[in-house]
Amino acid sequence: MLFEDRIDAGKQLARALPPDLPKPDIIYGLARGGAVIAAEISRITGYPLDVLVVKKVPSPLESELAIGAVAPDNVVFIDERLTGYVSASREYIRGAVRRLSSEVRSRMKSYHTSRPLRSPEGRHVLLSDDGIATGATFSAAVMWLKSRKASRITAALPVAPSGFLPELRKLTDTQVVLVTPDEFGAVGQFYRDFRQVPDAAVIELLRKGGKVP
């Protein structure tokens, strides 16, 4: 399956949500691409929208390969298997985490100037991105939600490799994934239009997302 763009993927996800799914209190999109997906689900369902910034820790050998990720409040996920495979040193990881934590704080602040971040505490959260590759950024986002005491987490994803599904089931309460290929190169291969989403677009999506309940 090919998605036309992230809006198309969001529409399809909204239609695929189980009718018996308990109503989510918040939809979080992982900025930047996941914000477009989440905003489209929010537009169709009426569920309140917010965004999270999670930055991947890149492999020292291949910048596109995530060996971990950093979420808000210094929440860090590191894939020990991958770090060993690419021989990433502890010094390298510490330096990357320090730099990325600062970037996450700055980006979260810039996105939430018009209204504060919605708290997930005690709430059913729907977490979405434009796709999963290694799963590092999604895992870090789930770690953050659990650290902030979300009561239930539903994953809503256009595409994720079939090999990640067992881990996704451990991480979340409900999983809605449209495409689960065995052969997986990159998320962008499943979209006709996978252009980058600018910060200004994320801020505008949030501005239209309504008031804090």
N, C-alpha and C. Protein backbone atom coordinates (compact mmCIF):
# COMPACT_ATOMS: atom_id res chain seq x y z
N MET A 1 0.84 -1.20 0.00
CA MET A 1 0.00 0.00 0.00
C MET A 1 0.87 1.25 0.00
N LEU A 2 0.50 2.21 -0.84
CA LEU A 2 1.15 3.51 -0.85
C LEU A 2 0.16 4.57 -0.38
N PHE A 3 0.61 5.43 0.51
CA PHE A 3 -0.19 6.57 0.93
C PHE A 3 0.15 7.76 0.03
N GLU A 4 -0.85 8.55 -0.30
CA GLU A 4 -0.57 9.73 -1.12
C GLU A 4 0.33 10.68 -0.35
N ASP A 5 -0.01 10.94 0.90
CA ASP A 5 0.77 11.83 1.76
C ASP A 5 0.34 11.56 3.20
N ARG A 6 0.83 12.36 4.12
CA ARG A 6 0.50 12.13 5.53
C ARG A 6 -0.97 12.39 5.84
N ILE A 7 -1.58 13.34 5.13
CA ILE A 7 -3.01 13.61 5.34
C ILE A 7 -3.82 12.39 4.96
N ASP A 8 -3.49 11.78 3.83
CA ASP A 8 -4.17 10.56 3.40
C ASP A 8 -3.99 9.45 4.44
N ALA A 9 -2.78 9.30 4.97
CA ALA A 9 -2.52 8.28 5.98
C ALA A 9 -3.35 8.55 7.24
N GLY A 10 -3.46 9.83 7.64
CA GLY A 10 -4.26 10.18 8.79
C GLY A 10 -5.73 9.85 8.59
N LYS A 11 -6.24 10.13 7.40
CA LYS A 11 -7.64 9.80 7.09
C LYS A 11 -7.87 8.30 7.21
N GLN A 12 -6.96 7.51 6.64
CA GLN A 12 -7.13 6.06 6.68
C GLN A 12 -7.05 5.52 8.10
N LEU A 13 -6.17 6.09 8.90
CA LEU A 13 -6.06 5.67 10.30
C LEU A 13 -7.34 6.00 11.07
N ALA A 14 -7.87 7.19 10.84
CA ALA A 14 -9.11 7.58 11.53
C ALA A 14 -10.23 6.60 11.22
N ARG A 15 -10.31 6.17 9.96
CA ARG A 15 -11.35 5.21 9.56
C ARG A 15 -11.10 3.83 10.15
N ALA A 16 -9.83 3.51 10.43
CA ALA A 16 -9.47 2.17 10.90
C ALA A 16 -9.56 2.01 12.42
N LEU A 17 -9.81 3.10 13.14
CA LEU A 17 -9.90 2.99 14.60
C LEU A 17 -11.07 2.08 14.97
N PRO A 18 -10.86 1.11 15.86
CA PRO A 18 -11.93 0.17 16.21
C PRO A 18 -13.14 0.90 16.80
N PRO A 19 -14.34 0.52 16.41
CA PRO A 19 -15.54 1.19 16.93
C PRO A 19 -15.71 1.04 18.44
N ASP A 20 -15.13 -0.03 19.00
CA ASP A 20 -15.25 -0.24 20.45
C ASP A 20 -14.06 0.33 21.22
N LEU A 21 -13.20 1.10 20.54
CA LEU A 21 -12.05 1.70 21.22
C LEU A 21 -12.54 2.75 22.22
N PRO A 22 -12.14 2.67 23.49
CA PRO A 22 -12.50 3.74 24.43
C PRO A 22 -12.02 5.09 23.90
N LYS A 23 -12.83 6.10 24.08
CA LYS A 23 -12.53 7.41 23.51
C LYS A 23 -11.21 7.96 24.07
N PRO A 24 -10.23 8.26 23.19
CA PRO A 24 -8.98 8.87 23.67
C PRO A 24 -9.23 10.29 24.19
N ASP A 25 -8.49 10.64 25.22
CA ASP A 25 -8.57 11.99 25.77
C ASP A 25 -7.66 12.96 25.03
N ILE A 26 -6.58 12.43 24.45
CA ILE A 26 -5.59 13.26 23.73
C ILE A 26 -5.01 12.44 22.59
N ILE A 27 -4.75 13.11 21.47
CA ILE A 27 -3.94 12.53 20.40
C ILE A 27 -2.61 13.26 20.38
N TYR A 28 -1.53 12.52 20.57
CA TYR A 28 -0.19 13.09 20.44
C TYR A 28 0.42 12.63 19.11
N GLY A 29 0.91 13.58 18.32
CA GLY A 29 1.68 13.26 17.14
C GLY A 29 3.15 13.50 17.40
N LEU A 30 4.00 12.64 16.90
CA LEU A 30 5.44 12.85 17.04
C LEU A 30 5.89 13.83 15.96
N ALA A 31 6.37 14.97 16.42
CA ALA A 31 6.78 16.01 15.47
C ALA A 31 8.08 15.57 14.77
N ARG A 32 8.15 15.87 13.46
CA ARG A 32 7.20 16.76 12.83
C ARG A 32 6.17 16.02 11.97
N GLY A 33 6.59 14.96 11.30
CA GLY A 33 5.68 14.28 10.38
C GLY A 33 4.45 13.70 11.05
N GLY A 34 4.63 13.15 12.24
CA GLY A 34 3.49 12.56 12.94
C GLY A 34 2.46 13.57 13.37
N ALA A 35 2.86 14.85 13.46
CA ALA A 35 1.90 15.90 13.82
C ALA A 35 0.82 16.03 12.76
N VAL A 36 1.19 15.85 11.49
CA VAL A 36 0.21 15.95 10.40
C VAL A 36 -0.77 14.78 10.48
N ILE A 37 -0.25 13.58 10.74
CA ILE A 37 -1.10 12.40 10.89
C ILE A 37 -2.09 12.62 12.03
N ALA A 38 -1.57 13.01 13.19
CA ALA A 38 -2.40 13.19 14.38
C ALA A 38 -3.44 14.29 14.16
N ALA A 39 -3.04 15.37 13.49
CA ALA A 39 -3.97 16.48 13.25
C ALA A 39 -5.14 16.04 12.38
N GLU A 40 -4.88 15.18 11.41
CA GLU A 40 -5.96 14.71 10.55
C GLU A 40 -6.90 13.78 11.33
N ILE A 41 -6.35 12.92 12.17
CA ILE A 41 -7.20 12.08 13.02
C ILE A 41 -8.03 12.96 13.94
N SER A 42 -7.39 13.98 14.52
CA SER A 42 -8.09 14.90 15.41
C SER A 42 -9.21 15.63 14.68
N ARG A 43 -8.94 16.06 13.46
CA ARG A 43 -9.95 16.79 12.69
C ARG A 43 -11.17 15.92 12.45
N ILE A 44 -10.96 14.64 12.16
CA ILE A 44 -12.07 13.74 11.84
C ILE A 44 -12.81 13.28 13.08
N THR A 45 -12.08 13.00 14.15
CA THR A 45 -12.68 12.42 15.35
C THR A 45 -13.09 13.45 16.39
N GLY A 46 -12.43 14.61 16.37
CA GLY A 46 -12.69 15.62 17.39
C GLY A 46 -11.87 15.43 18.65
N TYR A 47 -11.00 14.41 18.70
CA TYR A 47 -10.16 14.21 19.88
C TYR A 47 -9.11 15.32 19.97
N PRO A 48 -8.82 15.84 21.17
CA PRO A 48 -7.87 16.94 21.32
C PRO A 48 -6.46 16.57 20.83
N LEU A 49 -5.80 17.55 20.22
CA LEU A 49 -4.50 17.34 19.58
C LEU A 49 -3.37 17.94 20.40
N ASP A 50 -2.24 17.24 20.40
CA ASP A 50 -0.98 17.80 20.90
C ASP A 50 0.17 17.13 20.16
N VAL A 51 1.37 17.63 20.38
CA VAL A 51 2.54 17.05 19.73
C VAL A 51 3.66 16.83 20.75
N LEU A 52 4.47 15.83 20.47
CA LEU A 52 5.67 15.55 21.25
C LEU A 52 6.87 15.63 20.34
N VAL A 53 7.98 16.11 20.90
CA VAL A 53 9.24 16.11 20.18
C VAL A 53 10.09 14.98 20.74
N VAL A 54 10.47 14.06 19.90
CA VAL A 54 11.39 12.97 20.26
C VAL A 54 12.46 12.93 19.18
N LYS A 55 13.71 13.01 19.58
CA LYS A 55 14.82 13.05 18.63
C LYS A 55 15.59 11.75 18.68
N LYS A 56 15.88 11.21 17.52
CA LYS A 56 16.62 9.94 17.46
C LYS A 56 18.10 10.15 17.76
N VAL A 57 18.69 9.16 18.41
CA VAL A 57 20.14 9.12 18.59
C VAL A 57 20.70 8.38 17.38
N PRO A 58 21.43 9.07 16.50
CA PRO A 58 21.86 8.43 15.26
C PRO A 58 23.06 7.52 15.48
N SER A 59 23.14 6.50 14.67
CA SER A 59 24.33 5.64 14.68
C SER A 59 25.55 6.45 14.25
N PRO A 60 26.72 6.20 14.86
CA PRO A 60 27.93 6.89 14.41
C PRO A 60 28.36 6.46 13.01
N LEU A 61 27.79 5.37 12.51
CA LEU A 61 28.16 4.87 11.18
C LEU A 61 27.17 5.30 10.10
N GLU A 62 25.91 5.50 10.49
CA GLU A 62 24.85 5.84 9.53
C GLU A 62 23.84 6.74 10.21
N SER A 63 23.81 8.01 9.81
CA SER A 63 23.01 9.00 10.52
C SER A 63 21.52 8.72 10.47
N GLU A 64 21.04 7.97 9.47
CA GLU A 64 19.61 7.68 9.36
C GLU A 64 19.18 6.52 10.25
N LEU A 65 20.13 5.77 10.79
CA LEU A 65 19.81 4.63 11.63
C LEU A 65 19.73 5.08 13.09
N ALA A 66 18.56 4.92 13.70
CA ALA A 66 18.37 5.32 15.10
C ALA A 66 18.77 4.19 16.03
N ILE A 67 19.72 4.46 16.92
CA ILE A 67 20.11 3.46 17.92
C ILE A 67 19.50 3.79 19.28
N GLY A 68 18.71 4.84 19.32
CA GLY A 68 18.03 5.27 20.54
C GLY A 68 17.27 6.54 20.25
N ALA A 69 16.70 7.12 21.29
CA ALA A 69 15.95 8.36 21.12
C ALA A 69 15.81 9.07 22.45
N VAL A 70 15.60 10.39 22.35
CA VAL A 70 15.46 11.25 23.53
C VAL A 70 14.09 11.93 23.48
N ALA A 71 13.32 11.76 24.54
CA ALA A 71 11.99 12.36 24.67
C ALA A 71 12.06 13.53 25.65
N PRO A 72 10.97 14.27 25.85
CA PRO A 72 10.98 15.37 26.83
C PRO A 72 11.35 14.88 28.23
N ASP A 73 11.77 15.85 29.06
CA ASP A 73 12.12 15.59 30.46
C ASP A 73 13.28 14.60 30.60
N ASN A 74 14.17 14.60 29.60
CA ASN A 74 15.37 13.74 29.63
C ASN A 74 15.04 12.25 29.70
N VAL A 75 13.93 11.86 29.14
CA VAL A 75 13.61 10.44 29.02
C VAL A 75 14.38 9.88 27.83
N VAL A 76 15.14 8.82 28.07
CA VAL A 76 16.05 8.29 27.05
C VAL A 76 15.80 6.80 26.84
N PHE A 77 15.69 6.42 25.59
CA PHE A 77 15.64 5.00 25.21
C PHE A 77 16.89 4.69 24.39
N ILE A 78 17.60 3.63 24.76
CA ILE A 78 18.77 3.19 24.01
C ILE A 78 18.59 1.72 23.65
N ASP A 79 18.75 1.41 22.36
CA ASP A 79 18.67 0.03 21.89
C ASP A 79 20.05 -0.61 22.05
N GLU A 80 20.21 -1.37 23.12
CA GLU A 80 21.52 -1.93 23.44
C GLU A 80 22.02 -2.87 22.34
N ARG A 81 21.11 -3.58 21.69
CA ARG A 81 21.52 -4.48 20.62
C ARG A 81 22.14 -3.71 19.46
N LEU A 82 21.48 -2.61 19.07
CA LEU A 82 21.99 -1.82 17.96
C LEU A 82 23.27 -1.08 18.32
N THR A 83 23.35 -0.59 19.55
CA THR A 83 24.56 0.15 19.93
C THR A 83 25.77 -0.78 19.88
N GLY A 84 25.57 -2.02 20.27
CA GLY A 84 26.67 -2.98 20.18
C GLY A 84 27.01 -3.31 18.75
N TYR A 85 25.99 -3.43 17.91
CA TYR A 85 26.19 -3.77 16.50
C TYR A 85 27.01 -2.71 15.77
N VAL A 86 26.75 -1.43 16.09
CA VAL A 86 27.45 -0.34 15.39
C VAL A 86 28.64 0.17 16.20
N SER A 87 28.91 -0.47 17.35
CA SER A 87 30.06 -0.11 18.20
C SER A 87 30.00 1.34 18.66
N ALA A 88 28.81 1.77 19.10
CA ALA A 88 28.67 3.13 19.62
C ALA A 88 29.18 3.17 21.06
N SER A 89 30.14 4.02 21.33
CA SER A 89 30.73 4.09 22.66
C SER A 89 29.80 4.80 23.63
N ARG A 90 30.02 4.58 24.93
CA ARG A 90 29.25 5.27 25.96
C ARG A 90 29.46 6.77 25.88
N GLU A 91 30.67 7.17 25.55
CA GLU A 91 30.97 8.60 25.42
C GLU A 91 30.18 9.21 24.27
N TYR A 92 30.11 8.48 23.16
CA TYR A 92 29.34 8.96 22.00
C TYR A 92 27.86 9.12 22.38
N ILE A 93 27.31 8.11 23.06
CA ILE A 93 25.89 8.14 23.43
C ILE A 93 25.61 9.27 24.42
N ARG A 94 26.48 9.44 25.42
CA ARG A 94 26.28 10.52 26.40
C ARG A 94 26.30 11.88 25.73
N GLY A 95 27.23 12.08 24.80
CA GLY A 95 27.31 13.36 24.10
C GLY A 95 26.08 13.61 23.24
N ALA A 96 25.61 12.56 22.55
CA ALA A 96 24.43 12.71 21.70
C ALA A 96 23.19 13.00 22.54
N VAL A 97 23.04 12.30 23.66
CA VAL A 97 21.88 12.50 24.52
C VAL A 97 21.87 13.91 25.09
N ARG A 98 23.02 14.41 25.51
CA ARG A 98 23.12 15.76 26.05
C ARG A 98 22.71 16.80 25.00
N ARG A 99 23.21 16.65 23.79
CA ARG A 99 22.88 17.59 22.72
C ARG A 99 21.40 17.51 22.34
N LEU A 100 20.88 16.30 22.22
CA LEU A 100 19.50 16.12 21.79
C LEU A 100 18.50 16.54 22.86
N SER A 101 18.84 16.35 24.13
CA SER A 101 17.95 16.79 25.21
C SER A 101 17.73 18.29 25.16
N SER A 102 18.79 19.02 24.87
CA SER A 102 18.67 20.47 24.74
C SER A 102 17.80 20.84 23.54
N GLU A 103 17.97 20.10 22.44
CA GLU A 103 17.18 20.36 21.25
C GLU A 103 15.70 20.05 21.47
N VAL A 104 15.41 18.96 22.19
CA VAL A 104 14.02 18.60 22.49
C VAL A 104 13.37 19.69 23.34
N ARG A 105 14.06 20.17 24.36
CA ARG A 105 13.50 21.23 25.21
C ARG A 105 13.19 22.48 24.39
N SER A 106 14.13 22.86 23.55
CA SER A 106 13.95 24.07 22.73
C SER A 106 12.77 23.92 21.78
N ARG A 107 12.67 22.77 21.12
CA ARG A 107 11.59 22.56 20.14
C ARG A 107 10.24 22.47 20.83
N MET A 108 10.18 21.80 21.97
CA MET A 108 8.91 21.72 22.71
C MET A 108 8.46 23.12 23.14
N LYS A 109 9.39 23.93 23.59
CA LYS A 109 9.05 25.29 24.00
C LYS A 109 8.51 26.11 22.84
N SER A 110 9.14 25.97 21.68
CA SER A 110 8.70 26.75 20.52
C SER A 110 7.33 26.30 20.03
N TYR A 111 7.01 25.01 20.15
CA TYR A 111 5.71 24.51 19.71
C TYR A 111 4.59 24.90 20.66
N HIS A 112 4.91 25.10 21.94
CA HIS A 112 3.87 25.31 22.94
C HIS A 112 3.89 26.73 23.51
N THR A 113 4.17 27.69 22.66
CA THR A 113 4.14 29.08 23.12
C THR A 113 2.71 29.59 23.29
N SER A 114 1.78 29.10 22.46
CA SER A 114 0.41 29.61 22.52
C SER A 114 -0.43 28.91 23.59
N ARG A 115 -0.06 27.70 23.94
CA ARG A 115 -0.75 26.98 25.02
C ARG A 115 0.16 25.89 25.54
N PRO A 116 -0.02 25.49 26.81
CA PRO A 116 0.86 24.49 27.40
C PRO A 116 0.60 23.09 26.86
N LEU A 117 1.57 22.22 27.05
CA LEU A 117 1.44 20.81 26.70
C LEU A 117 0.32 20.18 27.51
N ARG A 118 -0.53 19.42 26.86
CA ARG A 118 -1.58 18.70 27.55
C ARG A 118 -0.97 17.57 28.38
N SER A 119 -1.40 17.43 29.60
CA SER A 119 -0.87 16.38 30.47
C SER A 119 -1.54 15.04 30.15
N PRO A 120 -0.75 13.96 30.05
CA PRO A 120 -1.35 12.64 29.81
C PRO A 120 -1.76 11.92 31.09
N GLU A 121 -1.51 12.51 32.25
CA GLU A 121 -1.74 11.81 33.51
C GLU A 121 -3.19 11.37 33.65
N GLY A 122 -3.38 10.08 33.87
CA GLY A 122 -4.71 9.52 34.06
C GLY A 122 -5.57 9.51 32.82
N ARG A 123 -4.97 9.69 31.66
CA ARG A 123 -5.75 9.81 30.42
C ARG A 123 -5.41 8.72 29.41
N HIS A 124 -6.39 8.44 28.57
CA HIS A 124 -6.19 7.53 27.44
C HIS A 124 -5.58 8.33 26.31
N VAL A 125 -4.40 7.91 25.89
CA VAL A 125 -3.63 8.65 24.89
C VAL A 125 -3.55 7.84 23.59
N LEU A 126 -3.80 8.50 22.48
CA LEU A 126 -3.55 7.91 21.17
C LEU A 126 -2.25 8.53 20.65
N LEU A 127 -1.27 7.69 20.37
CA LEU A 127 0.06 8.14 19.95
C LEU A 127 0.28 7.76 18.50
N SER A 128 0.64 8.76 17.68
CA SER A 128 0.77 8.50 16.25
C SER A 128 2.06 9.09 15.70
N ASP A 129 2.55 8.45 14.65
CA ASP A 129 3.69 8.96 13.88
C ASP A 129 3.42 8.61 12.43
N ASP A 130 4.28 9.08 11.52
CA ASP A 130 4.06 8.75 10.12
C ASP A 130 4.59 7.37 9.75
N GLY A 131 5.21 6.69 10.71
CA GLY A 131 5.69 5.33 10.50
C GLY A 131 6.80 5.00 11.47
N ILE A 132 7.10 3.72 11.56
CA ILE A 132 8.16 3.23 12.45
C ILE A 132 9.21 2.54 11.61
N ALA A 133 10.47 2.82 11.91
CA ALA A 133 11.57 2.10 11.27
C ALA A 133 12.20 1.16 12.30
N THR A 134 13.10 1.69 13.14
CA THR A 134 13.68 0.86 14.21
C THR A 134 12.78 0.81 15.44
N GLY A 135 11.91 1.79 15.60
CA GLY A 135 11.04 1.84 16.77
C GLY A 135 11.60 2.65 17.92
N ALA A 136 12.78 3.23 17.75
CA ALA A 136 13.43 3.95 18.85
C ALA A 136 12.63 5.17 19.30
N THR A 137 12.22 6.01 18.36
CA THR A 137 11.52 7.24 18.74
C THR A 137 10.16 6.91 19.36
N PHE A 138 9.47 5.93 18.81
CA PHE A 138 8.17 5.56 19.37
C PHE A 138 8.33 4.98 20.77
N SER A 139 9.36 4.17 20.96
CA SER A 139 9.61 3.58 22.28
C SER A 139 9.90 4.66 23.31
N ALA A 140 10.70 5.66 22.93
CA ALA A 140 11.00 6.75 23.86
C ALA A 140 9.75 7.55 24.19
N ALA A 141 8.88 7.77 23.19
CA ALA A 141 7.63 8.49 23.44
C ALA A 141 6.74 7.72 24.42
N VAL A 142 6.66 6.41 24.26
CA VAL A 142 5.86 5.60 25.17
C VAL A 142 6.46 5.65 26.58
N MET A 143 7.79 5.60 26.69
CA MET A 143 8.44 5.71 28.00
C MET A 143 8.05 7.02 28.67
N TRP A 144 8.02 8.11 27.89
CA TRP A 144 7.63 9.41 28.45
C TRP A 144 6.19 9.39 28.93
N LEU A 145 5.29 8.85 28.11
CA LEU A 145 3.88 8.78 28.49
C LEU A 145 3.68 7.98 29.77
N LYS A 146 4.40 6.87 29.89
CA LYS A 146 4.27 6.05 31.09
C LYS A 146 4.88 6.76 32.31
N SER A 147 5.97 7.51 32.08
CA SER A 147 6.56 8.26 33.19
C SER A 147 5.63 9.35 33.68
N ARG A 148 4.75 9.84 32.77
CA ARG A 148 3.78 10.86 33.13
C ARG A 148 2.40 10.26 33.47
N LYS A 149 2.39 8.93 33.65
CA LYS A 149 1.22 8.22 34.18
C LYS A 149 -0.01 8.25 33.28
N ALA A 150 0.21 8.10 31.96
CA ALA A 150 -0.94 7.89 31.06
C ALA A 150 -1.63 6.59 31.48
N SER A 151 -2.96 6.58 31.45
CA SER A 151 -3.70 5.41 31.92
C SER A 151 -3.83 4.34 30.85
N ARG A 152 -3.79 4.74 29.57
CA ARG A 152 -3.95 3.79 28.46
C ARG A 152 -3.27 4.40 27.24
N ILE A 153 -2.60 3.56 26.44
CA ILE A 153 -1.91 4.06 25.24
C ILE A 153 -2.36 3.24 24.04
N THR A 154 -2.87 3.93 23.04
CA THR A 154 -3.21 3.32 21.76
C THR A 154 -2.23 3.81 20.71
N ALA A 155 -1.62 2.88 20.00
CA ALA A 155 -0.72 3.22 18.91
C ALA A 155 -1.51 3.29 17.61
N ALA A 156 -1.34 4.37 16.85
CA ALA A 156 -2.00 4.52 15.55
C ALA A 156 -0.92 4.86 14.53
N LEU A 157 -0.61 3.91 13.65
CA LEU A 157 0.53 4.05 12.75
C LEU A 157 0.16 3.62 11.33
N PRO A 158 0.56 4.40 10.33
CA PRO A 158 0.33 3.96 8.96
C PRO A 158 1.14 2.72 8.60
N VAL A 159 2.40 2.67 9.07
CA VAL A 159 3.27 1.56 8.67
C VAL A 159 4.28 1.26 9.77
N ALA A 160 4.53 -0.03 9.98
CA ALA A 160 5.56 -0.50 10.91
C ALA A 160 6.02 -1.87 10.44
N PRO A 161 7.30 -2.16 10.54
CA PRO A 161 7.78 -3.48 10.11
C PRO A 161 7.16 -4.58 10.95
N SER A 162 6.87 -5.70 10.31
CA SER A 162 6.21 -6.80 11.01
C SER A 162 7.03 -7.27 12.20
N GLY A 163 8.35 -7.18 12.11
CA GLY A 163 9.21 -7.63 13.19
C GLY A 163 9.09 -6.80 14.45
N PHE A 164 8.54 -5.58 14.34
CA PHE A 164 8.40 -4.71 15.52
C PHE A 164 7.07 -4.92 16.23
N LEU A 165 6.14 -5.62 15.60
CA LEU A 165 4.80 -5.74 16.17
C LEU A 165 4.78 -6.40 17.55
N PRO A 166 5.56 -7.47 17.81
CA PRO A 166 5.54 -8.03 19.17
C PRO A 166 5.95 -7.01 20.23
N GLU A 167 6.95 -6.18 19.91
CA GLU A 167 7.38 -5.14 20.86
C GLU A 167 6.31 -4.08 21.01
N LEU A 168 5.65 -3.73 19.91
CA LEU A 168 4.59 -2.72 19.96
C LEU A 168 3.45 -3.20 20.86
N ARG A 169 3.15 -4.48 20.81
CA ARG A 169 2.09 -5.04 21.66
C ARG A 169 2.48 -4.98 23.14
N LYS A 170 3.77 -5.11 23.43
CA LYS A 170 4.23 -4.99 24.81
C LYS A 170 4.16 -3.55 25.29
N LEU A 171 4.44 -2.61 24.38
CA LEU A 171 4.53 -1.21 24.76
C LEU A 171 3.18 -0.55 24.96
N THR A 172 2.18 -0.98 24.19
CA THR A 172 0.90 -0.25 24.15
C THR A 172 -0.27 -1.19 24.42
N ASP A 173 -1.42 -0.59 24.74
CA ASP A 173 -2.62 -1.37 25.05
C ASP A 173 -3.38 -1.78 23.80
N THR A 174 -3.41 -0.91 22.80
CA THR A 174 -4.11 -1.18 21.55
C THR A 174 -3.21 -0.75 20.40
N GLN A 175 -3.24 -1.51 19.30
CA GLN A 175 -2.39 -1.20 18.16
C GLN A 175 -3.24 -1.14 16.89
N VAL A 176 -3.17 -0.01 16.20
CA VAL A 176 -3.83 0.15 14.90
C VAL A 176 -2.73 0.47 13.90
N VAL A 177 -2.36 -0.53 13.09
CA VAL A 177 -1.27 -0.37 12.13
C VAL A 177 -1.79 -0.82 10.77
N LEU A 178 -1.71 0.05 9.77
CA LEU A 178 -2.32 -0.24 8.48
C LEU A 178 -1.48 -1.15 7.61
N VAL A 179 -0.17 -0.98 7.63
CA VAL A 179 0.72 -1.76 6.77
C VAL A 179 1.85 -2.32 7.62
N THR A 180 2.09 -3.63 7.51
CA THR A 180 3.13 -4.28 8.31
C THR A 180 4.02 -5.15 7.42
N PRO A 181 4.88 -4.51 6.63
CA PRO A 181 5.69 -5.27 5.67
C PRO A 181 6.78 -6.10 6.35
N ASP A 182 7.10 -7.23 5.73
CA ASP A 182 8.24 -8.03 6.18
C ASP A 182 9.54 -7.40 5.69
N GLU A 183 9.51 -6.91 4.46
CA GLU A 183 10.67 -6.24 3.88
C GLU A 183 10.51 -4.74 4.08
N PHE A 184 11.47 -4.12 4.74
CA PHE A 184 11.31 -2.71 5.12
C PHE A 184 12.63 -1.98 4.90
N GLY A 185 12.56 -0.91 4.11
CA GLY A 185 13.74 -0.08 3.90
C GLY A 185 13.66 1.21 4.70
N ALA A 186 12.66 2.04 4.36
CA ALA A 186 12.48 3.33 5.04
C ALA A 186 11.00 3.69 5.00
N VAL A 187 10.57 4.51 5.95
CA VAL A 187 9.16 4.90 6.03
C VAL A 187 8.73 5.61 4.74
N GLY A 188 9.60 6.45 4.19
CA GLY A 188 9.25 7.24 3.02
C GLY A 188 8.87 6.42 1.80
N GLN A 189 9.29 5.16 1.74
CA GLN A 189 8.98 4.35 0.55
C GLN A 189 7.50 4.02 0.46
N PHE A 190 6.74 4.26 1.53
CA PHE A 190 5.32 3.95 1.54
C PHE A 190 4.45 5.17 1.26
N TYR A 191 5.08 6.29 0.89
CA TYR A 191 4.38 7.53 0.58
C TYR A 191 4.77 8.04 -0.80
N ARG A 192 3.79 8.53 -1.54
CA ARG A 192 4.11 9.20 -2.79
C ARG A 192 4.73 10.58 -2.51
N ASP A 193 4.21 11.26 -1.50
CA ASP A 193 4.70 12.58 -1.11
C ASP A 193 5.14 12.50 0.34
N PHE A 194 6.45 12.55 0.56
CA PHE A 194 6.99 12.44 1.92
C PHE A 194 7.91 13.63 2.21
N ARG A 195 7.50 14.79 1.71
CA ARG A 195 8.33 15.98 1.91
C ARG A 195 8.39 16.33 3.40
N GLN A 196 9.46 17.01 3.79
CA GLN A 196 9.64 17.40 5.19
C GLN A 196 8.55 18.38 5.63
N VAL A 197 8.20 18.29 6.89
CA VAL A 197 7.19 19.18 7.48
C VAL A 197 7.93 20.28 8.24
N PRO A 198 7.72 21.55 7.90
CA PRO A 198 8.42 22.64 8.60
C PRO A 198 7.84 22.89 9.99
N ASP A 199 8.65 23.48 10.85
CA ASP A 199 8.21 23.81 12.21
C ASP A 199 6.96 24.69 12.18
N ALA A 200 6.93 25.64 11.26
CA ALA A 200 5.79 26.56 11.19
C ALA A 200 4.48 25.82 10.96
N ALA A 201 4.53 24.73 10.18
CA ALA A 201 3.32 23.95 9.93
C ALA A 201 2.85 23.25 11.19
N VAL A 202 3.79 22.73 11.99
CA VAL A 202 3.43 22.08 13.25
C VAL A 202 2.78 23.08 14.20
N ILE A 203 3.37 24.26 14.31
CA ILE A 203 2.84 25.31 15.18
C ILE A 203 1.42 25.70 14.76
N GLU A 204 1.20 25.79 13.44
CA GLU A 204 -0.13 26.15 12.93
C GLU A 204 -1.14 25.03 13.21
N LEU A 205 -0.72 23.78 13.06
CA LEU A 205 -1.62 22.67 13.38
C LEU A 205 -2.03 22.70 14.85
N LEU A 206 -1.07 22.99 15.71
CA LEU A 206 -1.39 23.07 17.15
C LEU A 206 -2.30 24.25 17.43
N ARG A 207 -2.05 25.37 16.76
CA ARG A 207 -2.87 26.56 16.99
C ARG A 207 -4.33 26.27 16.66
N LYS A 208 -4.57 25.44 15.67
CA LYS A 208 -5.93 25.11 15.28
C LYS A 208 -6.51 23.97 16.11
N GLY A 209 -5.69 23.42 17.01
CA GLY A 209 -6.10 22.22 17.73
C GLY A 209 -7.04 22.42 18.88
N GLY A 210 -7.44 23.64 19.14
CA GLY A 210 -8.41 23.89 20.19
C GLY A 210 -7.77 24.28 21.50
N LYS A 211 -8.60 24.51 22.48
CA LYS A 211 -8.14 24.95 23.79
C LYS A 211 -7.85 23.77 24.71
N VAL A 212 -7.03 24.01 25.70
CA VAL A 212 -6.76 22.97 26.69
C VAL A 212 -8.02 22.71 27.49
N PRO A 213 -8.44 21.44 27.62
CA PRO A 213 -9.67 21.15 28.37
C PRO A 213 -9.47 21.42 29.86
